[in-house]
Amino acid sequence: MPSWFPYMLMMLLLITSVVLTALVLLHKGKGGGLSSMFGGGVTSNLSGSSVAEKNLDRYTVLVGIIWFACIIAFGLWLRVQLGGF
């Protein structure tokens, strides 16, 4: 494998980790969890969710899948480098 491959994976993993953390923090609290314990439980109940919330959910899942794939690829690369295959 090329020598730049692990560095690319590490950079992609770092970027997706930061983006995934930001996307999770952007989600609105649903109530009844830890957010309601610390004063975040006062929310208005609107019927359905907005387009922005649905897109935020989609982006979060997409970035999560990319993050997970990076971890799997990095683990496989390590296994090949250490002679596990």
N, C-alpha and C. Protein backbone atom coordinates (compact mmCIF):
# COMPACT_ATOMS: atom_id res chain seq x y z
N MET A 1 0.84 -1.19 0.00
CA MET A 1 0.00 0.00 0.00
C MET A 1 0.88 1.24 0.00
N PRO A 2 0.37 2.33 -0.55
CA PRO A 2 1.16 3.56 -0.59
C PRO A 2 1.43 4.09 0.82
N SER A 3 2.53 4.82 0.96
CA SER A 3 2.91 5.33 2.28
C SER A 3 1.99 6.45 2.75
N TRP A 4 1.26 7.08 1.85
CA TRP A 4 0.37 8.17 2.23
C TRP A 4 -0.98 7.67 2.74
N PHE A 5 -1.27 6.40 2.57
CA PHE A 5 -2.58 5.85 2.92
C PHE A 5 -2.92 6.01 4.41
N PRO A 6 -2.03 5.62 5.35
CA PRO A 6 -2.41 5.78 6.77
C PRO A 6 -2.56 7.24 7.18
N TYR A 7 -1.76 8.13 6.57
CA TYR A 7 -1.88 9.54 6.91
C TYR A 7 -3.21 10.11 6.40
N MET A 8 -3.62 9.69 5.22
CA MET A 8 -4.91 10.12 4.69
C MET A 8 -6.05 9.62 5.60
N LEU A 9 -5.94 8.36 6.04
CA LEU A 9 -6.97 7.81 6.93
C LEU A 9 -7.01 8.55 8.26
N MET A 10 -5.84 8.85 8.81
CA MET A 10 -5.80 9.58 10.09
C MET A 10 -6.40 10.97 9.96
N MET A 11 -6.09 11.66 8.86
CA MET A 11 -6.65 13.00 8.66
C MET A 11 -8.16 12.94 8.45
N LEU A 12 -8.61 11.96 7.67
CA LEU A 12 -10.05 11.81 7.45
C LEU A 12 -10.76 11.43 8.76
N LEU A 13 -10.12 10.60 9.56
CA LEU A 13 -10.69 10.21 10.85
C LEU A 13 -10.76 11.41 11.79
N LEU A 14 -9.73 12.24 11.80
CA LEU A 14 -9.72 13.43 12.65
C LEU A 14 -10.81 14.41 12.22
N ILE A 15 -10.91 14.64 10.92
CA ILE A 15 -11.91 15.59 10.41
C ILE A 15 -13.33 15.09 10.68
N THR A 16 -13.57 13.80 10.40
CA THR A 16 -14.93 13.28 10.62
C THR A 16 -15.26 13.22 12.11
N SER A 17 -14.27 13.03 12.97
CA SER A 17 -14.53 13.03 14.41
C SER A 17 -15.00 14.40 14.88
N VAL A 18 -14.32 15.44 14.42
CA VAL A 18 -14.70 16.80 14.81
C VAL A 18 -16.07 17.16 14.24
N VAL A 19 -16.30 16.83 12.97
CA VAL A 19 -17.59 17.15 12.32
C VAL A 19 -18.72 16.37 12.98
N LEU A 20 -18.47 15.09 13.29
CA LEU A 20 -19.51 14.27 13.93
C LEU A 20 -19.86 14.81 15.31
N THR A 21 -18.85 15.23 16.06
CA THR A 21 -19.10 15.83 17.37
C THR A 21 -19.94 17.09 17.24
N ALA A 22 -19.61 17.93 16.28
CA ALA A 22 -20.38 19.17 16.07
C ALA A 22 -21.81 18.87 15.64
N LEU A 23 -21.98 17.89 14.76
CA LEU A 23 -23.33 17.55 14.30
C LEU A 23 -24.19 16.99 15.42
N VAL A 24 -23.60 16.16 16.27
CA VAL A 24 -24.36 15.61 17.40
C VAL A 24 -24.75 16.72 18.37
N LEU A 25 -23.84 17.66 18.59
CA LEU A 25 -24.17 18.77 19.50
C LEU A 25 -25.21 19.71 18.92
N LEU A 26 -25.36 19.75 17.60
CA LEU A 26 -26.37 20.61 16.97
C LEU A 26 -27.78 20.05 17.08
N HIS A 27 -27.91 18.77 17.38
CA HIS A 27 -29.23 18.16 17.49
C HIS A 27 -30.01 18.75 18.66
N LYS A 28 -31.31 18.87 18.43
CA LYS A 28 -32.20 19.36 19.47
C LYS A 28 -32.44 18.26 20.48
N GLY A 29 -32.43 18.60 21.76
CA GLY A 29 -32.69 17.63 22.80
C GLY A 29 -34.12 17.12 22.73
N LYS A 30 -34.31 15.83 22.91
CA LYS A 30 -35.65 15.23 22.84
C LYS A 30 -36.35 15.23 24.20
N GLY A 31 -35.64 15.56 25.25
CA GLY A 31 -36.23 15.58 26.58
C GLY A 31 -36.18 14.21 27.22
N GLY A 32 -36.14 14.19 28.54
CA GLY A 32 -36.11 12.93 29.26
C GLY A 32 -34.72 12.35 29.40
N GLY A 33 -33.72 12.98 28.83
CA GLY A 33 -32.36 12.47 28.92
C GLY A 33 -31.53 13.35 29.83
N LEU A 34 -30.24 13.34 29.62
CA LEU A 34 -29.35 14.15 30.43
C LEU A 34 -29.57 15.64 30.22
N SER A 35 -30.00 16.02 29.03
CA SER A 35 -30.22 17.45 28.77
C SER A 35 -31.34 18.00 29.63
N SER A 36 -32.35 17.20 29.93
CA SER A 36 -33.44 17.70 30.77
C SER A 36 -33.04 17.79 32.23
N MET A 37 -32.03 17.03 32.65
CA MET A 37 -31.56 17.10 34.03
C MET A 37 -30.91 18.44 34.31
N PHE A 38 -30.29 19.04 33.31
CA PHE A 38 -29.55 20.27 33.50
C PHE A 38 -30.28 21.49 32.97
N GLY A 39 -31.59 21.44 32.94
CA GLY A 39 -32.38 22.61 32.56
C GLY A 39 -32.76 22.67 31.10
N GLY A 40 -32.49 21.65 30.32
CA GLY A 40 -32.83 21.68 28.91
C GLY A 40 -34.15 21.01 28.61
N GLY A 41 -34.93 20.72 29.63
CA GLY A 41 -36.17 19.97 29.43
C GLY A 41 -37.35 20.80 29.00
N VAL A 42 -37.22 22.12 28.99
CA VAL A 42 -38.33 22.98 28.62
C VAL A 42 -38.27 23.21 27.11
N THR A 43 -39.03 22.44 26.39
CA THR A 43 -39.07 22.58 24.93
C THR A 43 -40.52 22.58 24.49
N SER A 44 -40.75 23.21 23.36
CA SER A 44 -42.11 23.20 22.82
C SER A 44 -42.26 21.98 21.92
N ASN A 45 -43.40 21.35 21.98
CA ASN A 45 -43.65 20.17 21.16
C ASN A 45 -44.31 20.60 19.86
N LEU A 46 -43.54 20.57 18.79
CA LEU A 46 -44.07 20.89 17.47
C LEU A 46 -44.39 19.58 16.77
N SER A 47 -45.40 19.61 15.95
CA SER A 47 -45.76 18.38 15.24
C SER A 47 -44.78 18.14 14.11
N GLY A 48 -44.15 16.98 14.11
CA GLY A 48 -43.20 16.63 13.06
C GLY A 48 -41.87 17.34 13.26
N SER A 49 -40.97 17.06 12.35
CA SER A 49 -39.68 17.73 12.41
C SER A 49 -39.46 18.51 11.12
N SER A 50 -38.68 19.54 11.22
CA SER A 50 -38.47 20.40 10.07
C SER A 50 -37.51 19.77 9.07
N VAL A 51 -37.40 20.37 7.93
CA VAL A 51 -36.50 19.89 6.88
C VAL A 51 -35.05 20.01 7.35
N ALA A 52 -34.76 21.07 8.09
CA ALA A 52 -33.39 21.25 8.60
C ALA A 52 -33.01 20.13 9.55
N GLU A 53 -33.93 19.71 10.40
CA GLU A 53 -33.64 18.62 11.34
C GLU A 53 -33.46 17.29 10.60
N LYS A 54 -34.27 17.07 9.58
CA LYS A 54 -34.12 15.83 8.80
C LYS A 54 -32.79 15.81 8.07
N ASN A 55 -32.39 16.96 7.50
CA ASN A 55 -31.10 17.03 6.83
C ASN A 55 -29.96 16.87 7.82
N LEU A 56 -30.11 17.43 9.01
CA LEU A 56 -29.09 17.27 10.05
C LEU A 56 -28.95 15.80 10.43
N ASP A 57 -30.07 15.09 10.52
CA ASP A 57 -30.03 13.65 10.80
C ASP A 57 -29.31 12.90 9.69
N ARG A 58 -29.61 13.24 8.45
CA ARG A 58 -28.97 12.57 7.31
C ARG A 58 -27.46 12.82 7.30
N TYR A 59 -27.06 14.07 7.53
CA TYR A 59 -25.64 14.39 7.55
C TYR A 59 -24.92 13.68 8.69
N THR A 60 -25.59 13.59 9.83
CA THR A 60 -24.98 12.91 10.97
C THR A 60 -24.77 11.43 10.68
N VAL A 61 -25.75 10.79 10.08
CA VAL A 61 -25.62 9.38 9.73
C VAL A 61 -24.53 9.19 8.68
N LEU A 62 -24.50 10.06 7.67
CA LEU A 62 -23.48 9.95 6.62
C LEU A 62 -22.07 10.11 7.17
N VAL A 63 -21.86 11.11 8.01
CA VAL A 63 -20.54 11.32 8.59
C VAL A 63 -20.19 10.18 9.54
N GLY A 64 -21.19 9.65 10.24
CA GLY A 64 -20.95 8.50 11.12
C GLY A 64 -20.52 7.27 10.34
N ILE A 65 -21.12 7.05 9.19
CA ILE A 65 -20.74 5.91 8.35
C ILE A 65 -19.32 6.08 7.83
N ILE A 66 -18.97 7.31 7.40
CA ILE A 66 -17.61 7.56 6.92
C ILE A 66 -16.61 7.38 8.06
N TRP A 67 -16.94 7.86 9.25
CA TRP A 67 -16.08 7.70 10.44
C TRP A 67 -15.86 6.22 10.75
N PHE A 68 -16.93 5.45 10.73
CA PHE A 68 -16.85 4.01 11.01
C PHE A 68 -16.01 3.30 9.95
N ALA A 69 -16.19 3.66 8.68
CA ALA A 69 -15.42 3.05 7.60
C ALA A 69 -13.93 3.37 7.74
N CYS A 70 -13.61 4.58 8.18
CA CYS A 70 -12.20 4.95 8.40
C CYS A 70 -11.59 4.09 9.49
N ILE A 71 -12.32 3.85 10.55
CA ILE A 71 -11.80 3.02 11.64
C ILE A 71 -11.58 1.59 11.17
N ILE A 72 -12.52 1.04 10.42
CA ILE A 72 -12.37 -0.32 9.89
C ILE A 72 -11.18 -0.39 8.94
N ALA A 73 -11.06 0.58 8.03
CA ALA A 73 -9.96 0.59 7.06
C ALA A 73 -8.61 0.73 7.77
N PHE A 74 -8.54 1.56 8.79
CA PHE A 74 -7.29 1.73 9.52
C PHE A 74 -6.92 0.45 10.27
N GLY A 75 -7.90 -0.21 10.85
CA GLY A 75 -7.65 -1.49 11.52
C GLY A 75 -7.17 -2.56 10.56
N LEU A 76 -7.78 -2.62 9.39
CA LEU A 76 -7.33 -3.59 8.37
C LEU A 76 -5.93 -3.27 7.89
N TRP A 77 -5.64 -1.98 7.71
CA TRP A 77 -4.30 -1.59 7.29
C TRP A 77 -3.26 -2.00 8.34
N LEU A 78 -3.57 -1.78 9.62
CA LEU A 78 -2.66 -2.18 10.69
C LEU A 78 -2.45 -3.69 10.69
N ARG A 79 -3.51 -4.41 10.47
CA ARG A 79 -3.40 -5.87 10.48
C ARG A 79 -2.51 -6.35 9.33
N VAL A 80 -2.64 -5.75 8.17
CA VAL A 80 -1.79 -6.10 7.03
C VAL A 80 -0.34 -5.74 7.32
N GLN A 81 -0.11 -4.56 7.90
CA GLN A 81 1.25 -4.11 8.18
C GLN A 81 1.94 -4.98 9.23
N LEU A 82 1.16 -5.50 10.18
CA LEU A 82 1.74 -6.33 11.23
C LEU A 82 1.80 -7.81 10.82
N GLY A 83 1.38 -8.10 9.63
CA GLY A 83 1.46 -9.47 9.12
C GLY A 83 0.37 -10.39 9.63
N GLY A 84 -0.81 -9.84 9.90
CA GLY A 84 -1.90 -10.65 10.43
C GLY A 84 -2.62 -11.46 9.37
N PHE A 85 -2.48 -11.08 8.10
CA PHE A 85 -3.19 -11.81 7.04
C PHE A 85 -2.32 -12.86 6.44
